[in-house]
Amino acid sequence: MTDLERKLYQIIYNMSRFRKNPSIEDLKRKTGQDELTIRKAVKNLISQKELEWNKEKQEWRFK
């Protein structure tokens, strides 16, 4: 897991604990990265099965 992936994981995890899904704008502001870079890192986390999106509940699941 890269530093950016670890940072995104922590941000998503911490915000999800309070029932708030972070927007792409939240992630851009907190990481200082552009949208494309963030999307690639989140896709990597999903492909590594670190994150999973639950469509029914509209929330993240964590490993």
PDB file of N, CA and C in Angstrom:
ATOM      1  N   MET A   1       0.857  -1.172   0.000  1.00  0.00           N
ATOM      2  CA  MET A   1       0.000   0.000   0.000  1.00  0.00           C
ATOM      3  C   MET A   1       0.905   1.237   0.000  1.00  0.00           C
ATOM      4  N   THR A   2       0.660   2.148  -0.925  1.00  0.00           N
ATOM      5  CA  THR A   2       1.468   3.371  -1.006  1.00  0.00           C
ATOM      6  C   THR A   2       1.054   4.348   0.090  1.00  0.00           C
ATOM      7  N   ASP A   3       1.842   5.389   0.265  1.00  0.00           N
ATOM      8  CA  ASP A   3       1.520   6.403   1.275  1.00  0.00           C
ATOM      9  C   ASP A   3       0.172   7.060   0.993  1.00  0.00           C
ATOM     10  N   LEU A   4      -0.085   7.371  -0.284  1.00  0.00           N
ATOM     11  CA  LEU A   4      -1.355   8.006  -0.639  1.00  0.00           C
ATOM     12  C   LEU A   4      -2.524   7.057  -0.361  1.00  0.00           C
ATOM     13  N   GLU A   5      -2.371   5.783  -0.715  1.00  0.00           N
ATOM     14  CA  GLU A   5      -3.436   4.813  -0.462  1.00  0.00           C
ATOM     15  C   GLU A   5      -3.699   4.679   1.035  1.00  0.00           C
ATOM     16  N   ARG A   6      -2.633   4.652   1.820  1.00  0.00           N
ATOM     17  CA  ARG A   6      -2.779   4.564   3.273  1.00  0.00           C
ATOM     18  C   ARG A   6      -3.495   5.799   3.822  1.00  0.00           C
ATOM     19  N   LYS A   7      -3.141   6.960   3.305  1.00  0.00           N
ATOM     20  CA  LYS A   7      -3.763   8.210   3.752  1.00  0.00           C
ATOM     21  C   LYS A   7      -5.249   8.231   3.374  1.00  0.00           C
ATOM     22  N   LEU A   8      -5.566   7.845   2.139  1.00  0.00           N
ATOM     23  CA  LEU A   8      -6.962   7.803   1.705  1.00  0.00           C
ATOM     24  C   LEU A   8      -7.769   6.804   2.525  1.00  0.00           C
ATOM     25  N   TYR A   9      -7.183   5.652   2.792  1.00  0.00           N
ATOM     26  CA  TYR A   9      -7.853   4.637   3.604  1.00  0.00           C
ATOM     27  C   TYR A   9      -8.211   5.216   4.968  1.00  0.00           C
ATOM     28  N   GLN A  10      -7.256   5.887   5.595  1.00  0.00           N
ATOM     29  CA  GLN A  10      -7.496   6.468   6.916  1.00  0.00           C
ATOM     30  C   GLN A  10      -8.566   7.557   6.871  1.00  0.00           C
ATOM     31  N   ILE A  11      -8.531   8.400   5.857  1.00  0.00           N
ATOM     32  CA  ILE A  11      -9.528   9.471   5.728  1.00  0.00           C
ATOM     33  C   ILE A  11     -10.912   8.870   5.544  1.00  0.00           C
ATOM     34  N   ILE A  12     -11.040   7.921   4.626  1.00  0.00           N
ATOM     35  CA  ILE A  12     -12.343   7.295   4.362  1.00  0.00           C
ATOM     36  C   ILE A  12     -12.830   6.563   5.603  1.00  0.00           C
ATOM     37  N   TYR A  13     -11.937   5.831   6.266  1.00  0.00           N
ATOM     38  CA  TYR A  13     -12.310   5.094   7.477  1.00  0.00           C
ATOM     39  C   TYR A  13     -12.796   6.040   8.572  1.00  0.00           C
ATOM     40  N   ASN A  14     -12.029   7.074   8.838  1.00  0.00           N
ATOM     41  CA  ASN A  14     -12.386   7.997   9.922  1.00  0.00           C
ATOM     42  C   ASN A  14     -13.683   8.749   9.626  1.00  0.00           C
ATOM     43  N   MET A  15     -13.874   9.190   8.395  1.00  0.00           N
ATOM     44  CA  MET A  15     -15.109   9.907   8.072  1.00  0.00           C
ATOM     45  C   MET A  15     -16.310   8.963   8.078  1.00  0.00           C
ATOM     46  N   SER A  16     -16.107   7.718   7.658  1.00  0.00           N
ATOM     47  CA  SER A  16     -17.197   6.745   7.628  1.00  0.00           C
ATOM     48  C   SER A  16     -17.656   6.360   9.029  1.00  0.00           C
ATOM     49  N   ARG A  17     -16.768   6.434   9.980  1.00  0.00           N
ATOM     50  CA  ARG A  17     -17.145   6.123  11.370  1.00  0.00           C
ATOM     51  C   ARG A  17     -18.249   7.054  11.855  1.00  0.00           C
ATOM     52  N   PHE A  18     -18.280   8.253  11.316  1.00  0.00           N
ATOM     53  CA  PHE A  18     -19.291   9.238  11.709  1.00  0.00           C
ATOM     54  C   PHE A  18     -20.402   9.348  10.674  1.00  0.00           C
ATOM     55  N   ARG A  19     -20.568   8.277   9.852  1.00  0.00           N
ATOM     56  CA  ARG A  19     -21.645   8.170   8.868  1.00  0.00           C
ATOM     57  C   ARG A  19     -21.600   9.260   7.807  1.00  0.00           C
ATOM     58  N   LYS A  20     -20.381   9.702   7.467  1.00  0.00           N
ATOM     59  CA  LYS A  20     -20.238  10.685   6.402  1.00  0.00           C
ATOM     60  C   LYS A  20     -19.294  10.117   5.356  1.00  0.00           C
ATOM     61  N   ASN A  21     -19.791   9.935   4.150  1.00  0.00           N
ATOM     62  CA  ASN A  21     -18.937   9.487   3.061  1.00  0.00           C
ATOM     63  C   ASN A  21     -18.217  10.699   2.486  1.00  0.00           C
ATOM     64  N   PRO A  22     -16.877  10.661   2.441  1.00  0.00           N
ATOM     65  CA  PRO A  22     -16.145  11.820   1.927  1.00  0.00           C
ATOM     66  C   PRO A  22     -16.375  12.002   0.428  1.00  0.00           C
ATOM     67  N   SER A  23     -16.545  13.239   0.023  1.00  0.00           N
ATOM     68  CA  SER A  23     -16.685  13.538  -1.407  1.00  0.00           C
ATOM     69  C   SER A  23     -15.291  13.612  -2.024  1.00  0.00           C
ATOM     70  N   ILE A  24     -15.256  13.651  -3.324  1.00  0.00           N
ATOM     71  CA  ILE A  24     -13.970  13.776  -4.008  1.00  0.00           C
ATOM     72  C   ILE A  24     -13.325  15.109  -3.642  1.00  0.00           C
ATOM     73  N   GLU A  25     -14.140  16.123  -3.420  1.00  0.00           N
ATOM     74  CA  GLU A  25     -13.611  17.432  -3.009  1.00  0.00           C
ATOM     75  C   GLU A  25     -12.975  17.346  -1.618  1.00  0.00           C
ATOM     76  N   ASP A  26     -13.597  16.611  -0.698  1.00  0.00           N
ATOM     77  CA  ASP A  26     -13.004  16.399   0.626  1.00  0.00           C
ATOM     78  C   ASP A  26     -11.639  15.735   0.504  1.00  0.00           C
ATOM     79  N   LEU A  27     -11.583  14.695  -0.325  1.00  0.00           N
ATOM     80  CA  LEU A  27     -10.332  13.958  -0.491  1.00  0.00           C
ATOM     81  C   LEU A  27      -9.259  14.807  -1.164  1.00  0.00           C
ATOM     82  N   LYS A  28      -9.655  15.635  -2.139  1.00  0.00           N
ATOM     83  CA  LYS A  28      -8.694  16.525  -2.795  1.00  0.00           C
ATOM     84  C   LYS A  28      -8.123  17.521  -1.790  1.00  0.00           C
ATOM     85  N   ARG A  29      -8.978  18.081  -0.960  1.00  0.00           N
ATOM     86  CA  ARG A  29      -8.539  19.069   0.025  1.00  0.00           C
ATOM     87  C   ARG A  29      -7.629  18.446   1.076  1.00  0.00           C
ATOM     88  N   LYS A  30      -7.967  17.257   1.541  1.00  0.00           N
ATOM     89  CA  LYS A  30      -7.207  16.631   2.618  1.00  0.00           C
ATOM     90  C   LYS A  30      -5.888  16.010   2.161  1.00  0.00           C
ATOM     91  N   THR A  31      -5.807  15.603   0.880  1.00  0.00           N
ATOM     92  CA  THR A  31      -4.573  14.975   0.400  1.00  0.00           C
ATOM     93  C   THR A  31      -3.708  15.907  -0.436  1.00  0.00           C
ATOM     94  N   GLY A  32      -4.304  16.927  -1.035  1.00  0.00           N
ATOM     95  CA  GLY A  32      -3.545  17.814  -1.903  1.00  0.00           C
ATOM     96  C   GLY A  32      -3.291  17.220  -3.280  1.00  0.00           C
ATOM     97  N   GLN A  33      -3.988  16.153  -3.620  1.00  0.00           N
ATOM     98  CA  GLN A  33      -3.818  15.480  -4.907  1.00  0.00           C
ATOM     99  C   GLN A  33      -4.966  15.835  -5.844  1.00  0.00           C
ATOM    100  N   ASP A  34      -4.767  15.561  -7.134  1.00  0.00           N
ATOM    101  CA  ASP A  34      -5.838  15.829  -8.097  1.00  0.00           C
ATOM    102  C   ASP A  34      -6.805  14.642  -8.148  1.00  0.00           C
ATOM    103  N   GLU A  35      -7.936  14.853  -8.813  1.00  0.00           N
ATOM    104  CA  GLU A  35      -9.008  13.854  -8.845  1.00  0.00           C
ATOM    105  C   GLU A  35      -8.567  12.537  -9.479  1.00  0.00           C
ATOM    106  N   LEU A  36      -7.834  12.616 -10.577  1.00  0.00           N
ATOM    107  CA  LEU A  36      -7.394  11.411 -11.274  1.00  0.00           C
ATOM    108  C   LEU A  36      -6.509  10.542 -10.384  1.00  0.00           C
ATOM    109  N   THR A  37      -5.585  11.158  -9.682  1.00  0.00           N
ATOM    110  CA  THR A  37      -4.683  10.432  -8.790  1.00  0.00           C
ATOM    111  C   THR A  37      -5.459   9.765  -7.655  1.00  0.00           C
ATOM    112  N   ILE A  38      -6.431  10.474  -7.102  1.00  0.00           N
ATOM    113  CA  ILE A  38      -7.248   9.933  -6.016  1.00  0.00           C
ATOM    114  C   ILE A  38      -8.076   8.752  -6.512  1.00  0.00           C
ATOM    115  N   ARG A  39      -8.679   8.897  -7.683  1.00  0.00           N
ATOM    116  CA  ARG A  39      -9.502   7.797  -8.233  1.00  0.00           C
ATOM    117  C   ARG A  39      -8.660   6.546  -8.480  1.00  0.00           C
ATOM    118  N   LYS A  40      -7.447   6.725  -8.998  1.00  0.00           N
ATOM    119  CA  LYS A  40      -6.564   5.586  -9.235  1.00  0.00           C
ATOM    120  C   LYS A  40      -6.211   4.895  -7.913  1.00  0.00           C
ATOM    121  N   ALA A  41      -5.901   5.684  -6.894  1.00  0.00           N
ATOM    122  CA  ALA A  41      -5.525   5.111  -5.600  1.00  0.00           C
ATOM    123  C   ALA A  41      -6.695   4.371  -4.962  1.00  0.00           C
ATOM    124  N   VAL A  42      -7.901   4.927  -5.058  1.00  0.00           N
ATOM    125  CA  VAL A  42      -9.079   4.253  -4.500  1.00  0.00           C
ATOM    126  C   VAL A  42      -9.370   2.973  -5.268  1.00  0.00           C
ATOM    127  N   LYS A  43      -9.220   3.002  -6.588  1.00  0.00           N
ATOM    128  CA  LYS A  43      -9.415   1.781  -7.385  1.00  0.00           C
ATOM    129  C   LYS A  43      -8.403   0.721  -6.990  1.00  0.00           C
ATOM    130  N   ASN A  44      -7.163   1.120  -6.704  1.00  0.00           N
ATOM    131  CA  ASN A  44      -6.155   0.165  -6.243  1.00  0.00           C
ATOM    132  C   ASN A  44      -6.557  -0.444  -4.906  1.00  0.00           C
ATOM    133  N   LEU A  45      -7.071   0.374  -4.000  1.00  0.00           N
ATOM    134  CA  LEU A  45      -7.517  -0.143  -2.703  1.00  0.00           C
ATOM    135  C   LEU A  45      -8.663  -1.142  -2.876  1.00  0.00           C
ATOM    136  N   ILE A  46      -9.559  -0.853  -3.796  1.00  0.00           N
ATOM    137  CA  ILE A  46     -10.678  -1.764  -4.051  1.00  0.00           C
ATOM    138  C   ILE A  46     -10.163  -3.064  -4.670  1.00  0.00           C
ATOM    139  N   SER A  47      -9.241  -2.960  -5.618  1.00  0.00           N
ATOM    140  CA  SER A  47      -8.723  -4.167  -6.277  1.00  0.00           C
ATOM    141  C   SER A  47      -7.893  -5.017  -5.313  1.00  0.00           C
ATOM    142  N   GLN A  48      -7.285  -4.389  -4.316  1.00  0.00           N
ATOM    143  CA  GLN A  48      -6.519  -5.119  -3.300  1.00  0.00           C
ATOM    144  C   GLN A  48      -7.429  -5.640  -2.186  1.00  0.00           C
ATOM    145  N   LYS A  49      -8.726  -5.369  -2.326  1.00  0.00           N
ATOM    146  CA  LYS A  49      -9.748  -5.793  -1.367  1.00  0.00           C
ATOM    147  C   LYS A  49      -9.559  -5.175   0.016  1.00  0.00           C
ATOM    148  N   GLU A  50      -8.977  -3.977   0.052  1.00  0.00           N
ATOM    149  CA  GLU A  50      -8.865  -3.227   1.304  1.00  0.00           C
ATOM    150  C   GLU A  50     -10.159  -2.462   1.570  1.00  0.00           C
ATOM    151  N   LEU A  51     -10.817  -2.021   0.477  1.00  0.00           N
ATOM    152  CA  LEU A  51     -12.077  -1.292   0.548  1.00  0.00           C
ATOM    153  C   LEU A  51     -13.107  -1.990  -0.316  1.00  0.00           C
ATOM    154  N   GLU A  52     -14.371  -1.848   0.091  1.00  0.00           N
ATOM    155  CA  GLU A  52     -15.475  -2.378  -0.712  1.00  0.00           C
ATOM    156  C   GLU A  52     -16.672  -1.456  -0.525  1.00  0.00           C
ATOM    157  N   TRP A  53     -17.329  -1.108  -1.630  1.00  0.00           N
ATOM    158  CA  TRP A  53     -18.490  -0.224  -1.586  1.00  0.00           C
ATOM    159  C   TRP A  53     -19.757  -1.065  -1.501  1.00  0.00           C
ATOM    160  N   ASN A  54     -20.561  -0.834  -0.468  1.00  0.00           N
ATOM    161  CA  ASN A  54     -21.833  -1.521  -0.308  1.00  0.00           C
ATOM    162  C   ASN A  54     -22.906  -0.652  -0.947  1.00  0.00           C
ATOM    163  N   LYS A  55     -23.416  -1.068  -2.105  1.00  0.00           N
ATOM    164  CA  LYS A  55     -24.376  -0.255  -2.854  1.00  0.00           C
ATOM    165  C   LYS A  55     -25.703  -0.114  -2.127  1.00  0.00           C
ATOM    166  N   GLU A  56     -26.139  -1.167  -1.450  1.00  0.00           N
ATOM    167  CA  GLU A  56     -27.440  -1.127  -0.773  1.00  0.00           C
ATOM    168  C   GLU A  56     -27.449  -0.111   0.360  1.00  0.00           C
ATOM    169  N   LYS A  57     -26.418  -0.136   1.187  1.00  0.00           N
ATOM    170  CA  LYS A  57     -26.348   0.750   2.354  1.00  0.00           C
ATOM    171  C   LYS A  57     -25.643   2.074   2.055  1.00  0.00           C
ATOM    172  N   GLN A  58     -25.075   2.183   0.845  1.00  0.00           N
ATOM    173  CA  GLN A  58     -24.329   3.373   0.456  1.00  0.00           C
ATOM    174  C   GLN A  58     -23.235   3.715   1.469  1.00  0.00           C
ATOM    175  N   GLU A  59     -22.408   2.704   1.780  1.00  0.00           N
ATOM    176  CA  GLU A  59     -21.328   2.910   2.730  1.00  0.00           C
ATOM    177  C   GLU A  59     -20.124   2.027   2.378  1.00  0.00           C
ATOM    178  N   TRP A  60     -18.983   2.361   2.934  1.00  0.00           N
ATOM    179  CA  TRP A  60     -17.758   1.616   2.706  1.00  0.00           C
ATOM    180  C   TRP A  60     -17.648   0.464   3.687  1.00  0.00           C
ATOM    181  N   ARG A  61     -17.070  -0.644   3.227  1.00  0.00           N
ATOM    182  CA  ARG A  61     -16.696  -1.754   4.102  1.00  0.00           C
ATOM    183  C   ARG A  61     -15.187  -1.841   4.088  1.00  0.00           C
ATOM    184  N   PHE A  62     -14.625  -2.176   5.235  1.00  0.00           N
ATOM    185  CA  PHE A  62     -13.167  -2.189   5.378  1.00  0.00           C
ATOM    186  C   PHE A  62     -12.674  -3.584   5.701  1.00  0.00           C
ATOM    187  N   LYS A  63     -11.453  -3.858   5.296  1.00  0.00           N
ATOM    188  CA  LYS A  63     -10.834  -5.155   5.563  1.00  0.00           C
ATOM    189  C   LYS A  63     -10.478  -5.252   7.018  1.00  0.00           C
TER     190      LYS A  63
END
